[in-house]
Amino acid sequence: MNRIPGTIDDHEAAIGQTIRRWRIEAGLSQAEAADRAGLSRSAVQGLERGTGSRLASLLSVLRAIGRDDAVDALLVDDGPTPIELLAAQRRAERDRSDAPRVPRGRA
């Protein structure tokens, strides 16, 4: 089930608007943000419009405008790795299958 309402295009546009607002709050023009991010001005424009951007561009602009904290929730945390989660799931399935079975009607 999709827990985030709206289309991908809607999300890209909303993220672009947020990036634009943060850039302006940082007191930077598109050209200045692009220069700091090592990108072209058109790349920043595209990102702010929510069109044709790469993840690397997004991360570069966030860093350039001082908002790289915006991706903290996406970064790896100190919790279990995906492999550890899979191993735990398999152990739980194995433990359930090893449990003694009680015939129906005789419980």
C-alpha atoms as a PDB file:
ATOM      1  CA  MET A   1       0.000   0.000   0.000  1.00  0.00           C
ATOM      2  CA  ASN A   2       1.285   3.465  -0.896  1.00  0.00           C
ATOM      3  CA  ARG A   3       1.327   5.558   2.283  1.00  0.00           C
ATOM      4  CA  ILE A   4       2.372   8.762   0.536  1.00  0.00           C
ATOM      5  CA  PRO A   5      -0.536  10.403  -1.294  1.00  0.00           C
ATOM      6  CA  GLY A   6      -0.001  12.009  -4.678  1.00  0.00           C
ATOM      7  CA  THR A   7       2.009  11.122  -7.722  1.00  0.00           C
ATOM      8  CA  ILE A   8       5.769  11.066  -8.135  1.00  0.00           C
ATOM      9  CA  ASP A   9       5.437  14.253 -10.192  1.00  0.00           C
ATOM     10  CA  ASP A  10       3.573  15.886  -7.287  1.00  0.00           C
ATOM     11  CA  HIS A  11       6.374  14.929  -4.907  1.00  0.00           C
ATOM     12  CA  GLU A  12       9.091  16.150  -7.251  1.00  0.00           C
ATOM     13  CA  ALA A  13       7.312  19.507  -7.582  1.00  0.00           C
ATOM     14  CA  ALA A  14       6.852  19.793  -3.806  1.00  0.00           C
ATOM     15  CA  ILE A  15      10.509  18.930  -3.163  1.00  0.00           C
ATOM     16  CA  GLY A  16      11.523  21.488  -5.787  1.00  0.00           C
ATOM     17  CA  GLN A  17       9.456  24.183  -4.070  1.00  0.00           C
ATOM     18  CA  THR A  18      11.062  23.334  -0.749  1.00  0.00           C
ATOM     19  CA  ILE A  19      14.561  23.463  -2.260  1.00  0.00           C
ATOM     20  CA  ARG A  20      13.750  26.884  -3.764  1.00  0.00           C
ATOM     21  CA  ARG A  21      12.471  28.176  -0.406  1.00  0.00           C
ATOM     22  CA  TRP A  22      15.562  26.879   1.435  1.00  0.00           C
ATOM     23  CA  ARG A  23      17.887  28.396  -1.194  1.00  0.00           C
ATOM     24  CA  ILE A  24      16.198  31.773  -0.840  1.00  0.00           C
ATOM     25  CA  GLU A  25      16.319  31.514   2.970  1.00  0.00           C
ATOM     26  CA  ALA A  26      20.059  30.826   2.648  1.00  0.00           C
ATOM     27  CA  GLY A  27      20.343  34.093   0.715  1.00  0.00           C
ATOM     28  CA  LEU A  28      21.635  32.456  -2.454  1.00  0.00           C
ATOM     29  CA  SER A  29      20.748  33.007  -6.086  1.00  0.00           C
ATOM     30  CA  GLN A  30      20.343  29.987  -8.327  1.00  0.00           C
ATOM     31  CA  ALA A  31      23.726  30.785  -9.850  1.00  0.00           C
ATOM     32  CA  GLU A  32      25.405  30.956  -6.438  1.00  0.00           C
ATOM     33  CA  ALA A  33      23.811  27.700  -5.287  1.00  0.00           C
ATOM     34  CA  ALA A  34      24.840  26.057  -8.569  1.00  0.00           C
ATOM     35  CA  ASP A  35      28.417  27.297  -8.190  1.00  0.00           C
ATOM     36  CA  ARG A  36      28.658  26.001  -4.618  1.00  0.00           C
ATOM     37  CA  ALA A  37      27.133  22.665  -5.664  1.00  0.00           C
ATOM     38  CA  GLY A  38      29.391  22.297  -8.692  1.00  0.00           C
ATOM     39  CA  LEU A  39      26.384  22.234 -11.000  1.00  0.00           C
ATOM     40  CA  SER A  40      25.026  24.346 -13.815  1.00  0.00           C
ATOM     41  CA  ARG A  41      22.363  26.946 -13.111  1.00  0.00           C
ATOM     42  CA  SER A  42      19.979  24.987 -15.351  1.00  0.00           C
ATOM     43  CA  ALA A  43      20.469  21.914 -13.117  1.00  0.00           C
ATOM     44  CA  VAL A  44      19.365  23.949 -10.095  1.00  0.00           C
ATOM     45  CA  GLN A  45      16.445  25.368 -12.083  1.00  0.00           C
ATOM     46  CA  GLY A  46      15.363  21.853 -13.056  1.00  0.00           C
ATOM     47  CA  LEU A  47      15.632  20.660  -9.484  1.00  0.00           C
ATOM     48  CA  GLU A  48      13.495  23.550  -8.276  1.00  0.00           C
ATOM     49  CA  ARG A  49      10.912  22.850 -10.990  1.00  0.00           C
ATOM     50  CA  GLY A  50      10.876  19.175 -10.012  1.00  0.00           C
ATOM     51  CA  THR A  51      11.976  18.022 -13.454  1.00  0.00           C
ATOM     52  CA  GLY A  52      14.877  16.012 -14.731  1.00  0.00           C
ATOM     53  CA  SER A  53      17.095  15.962 -11.684  1.00  0.00           C
ATOM     54  CA  ARG A  54      19.500  13.351 -10.418  1.00  0.00           C
ATOM     55  CA  LEU A  55      19.833  12.310  -6.793  1.00  0.00           C
ATOM     56  CA  ALA A  56      23.459  13.467  -6.848  1.00  0.00           C
ATOM     57  CA  SER A  57      22.288  16.933  -7.918  1.00  0.00           C
ATOM     58  CA  LEU A  58      19.745  17.047  -5.109  1.00  0.00           C
ATOM     59  CA  LEU A  59      22.352  16.081  -2.533  1.00  0.00           C
ATOM     60  CA  SER A  60      24.865  18.593  -3.910  1.00  0.00           C
ATOM     61  CA  VAL A  61      22.354  21.450  -3.772  1.00  0.00           C
ATOM     62  CA  LEU A  62      21.208  20.495  -0.266  1.00  0.00           C
ATOM     63  CA  ARG A  63      24.822  20.606   0.882  1.00  0.00           C
ATOM     64  CA  ALA A  64      25.429  23.922  -0.932  1.00  0.00           C
ATOM     65  CA  ILE A  65      22.461  25.610   0.759  1.00  0.00           C
ATOM     66  CA  GLY A  66      23.325  24.177   4.166  1.00  0.00           C
ATOM     67  CA  ARG A  67      20.412  21.738   4.345  1.00  0.00           C
ATOM     68  CA  ASP A  68      22.104  18.345   4.002  1.00  0.00           C
ATOM     69  CA  ASP A  69      20.308  17.470   7.260  1.00  0.00           C
ATOM     70  CA  ALA A  70      17.172  17.058   5.129  1.00  0.00           C
ATOM     71  CA  VAL A  71      18.247  13.542   4.130  1.00  0.00           C
ATOM     72  CA  ASP A  72      19.093  12.287   7.609  1.00  0.00           C
ATOM     73  CA  ALA A  73      16.042  10.017   7.732  1.00  0.00           C
ATOM     74  CA  LEU A  74      17.196   8.293   4.538  1.00  0.00           C
ATOM     75  CA  LEU A  75      20.698   7.545   5.733  1.00  0.00           C
ATOM     76  CA  VAL A  76      21.742   4.250   7.286  1.00  0.00           C
ATOM     77  CA  ASP A  77      21.109   4.172  10.999  1.00  0.00           C
ATOM     78  CA  ASP A  78      22.639   2.043  13.744  1.00  0.00           C
ATOM     79  CA  GLY A  79      19.848  -0.522  13.548  1.00  0.00           C
ATOM     80  CA  PRO A  80      20.112  -3.981  12.058  1.00  0.00           C
ATOM     81  CA  THR A  81      21.286  -4.293   8.460  1.00  0.00           C
ATOM     82  CA  PRO A  82      18.923  -5.693   5.809  1.00  0.00           C
ATOM     83  CA  ILE A  83      20.860  -8.981   5.930  1.00  0.00           C
ATOM     84  CA  GLU A  84      20.431  -9.169   9.718  1.00  0.00           C
ATOM     85  CA  LEU A  85      16.699  -8.488   9.359  1.00  0.00           C
ATOM     86  CA  LEU A  86      16.386 -11.233   6.737  1.00  0.00           C
ATOM     87  CA  ALA A  87      18.297 -13.703   8.924  1.00  0.00           C
ATOM     88  CA  ALA A  88      16.044 -12.918  11.902  1.00  0.00           C
ATOM     89  CA  GLN A  89      12.942 -13.378   9.737  1.00  0.00           C
ATOM     90  CA  ARG A  90      14.212 -16.753   8.508  1.00  0.00           C
ATOM     91  CA  ARG A  91      15.029 -17.856  12.075  1.00  0.00           C
ATOM     92  CA  ALA A  92      11.511 -16.930  13.176  1.00  0.00           C
ATOM     93  CA  GLU A  93      10.004 -18.882  10.269  1.00  0.00           C
ATOM     94  CA  ARG A  94      12.211 -21.883  11.064  1.00  0.00           C
ATOM     95  CA  ASP A  95      11.287 -21.726  14.751  1.00  0.00           C
ATOM     96  CA  ARG A  96       7.588 -21.727  13.857  1.00  0.00           C
ATOM     97  CA  SER A  97       8.017 -24.712  11.559  1.00  0.00           C
ATOM     98  CA  ASP A  98       9.956 -26.650  14.247  1.00  0.00           C
ATOM     99  CA  ALA A  99       7.242 -26.171  16.868  1.00  0.00           C
ATOM    100  CA  PRO A 100       5.375 -29.338  17.809  1.00  0.00           C
ATOM    101  CA  ARG A 101       2.057 -29.645  16.045  1.00  0.00           C
ATOM    102  CA  VAL A 102      -1.114 -30.417  17.853  1.00  0.00           C
ATOM    103  CA  PRO A 103      -3.593 -32.444  15.794  1.00  0.00           C
ATOM    104  CA  ARG A 104      -6.871 -30.643  15.166  1.00  0.00           C
ATOM    105  CA  GLY A 105      -9.651 -31.494  17.523  1.00  0.00           C
ATOM    106  CA  ARG A 106      -7.267 -32.776  20.222  1.00  0.00           C
ATOM    107  CA  ALA A 107      -6.096 -29.560  21.825  1.00  0.00           C
END
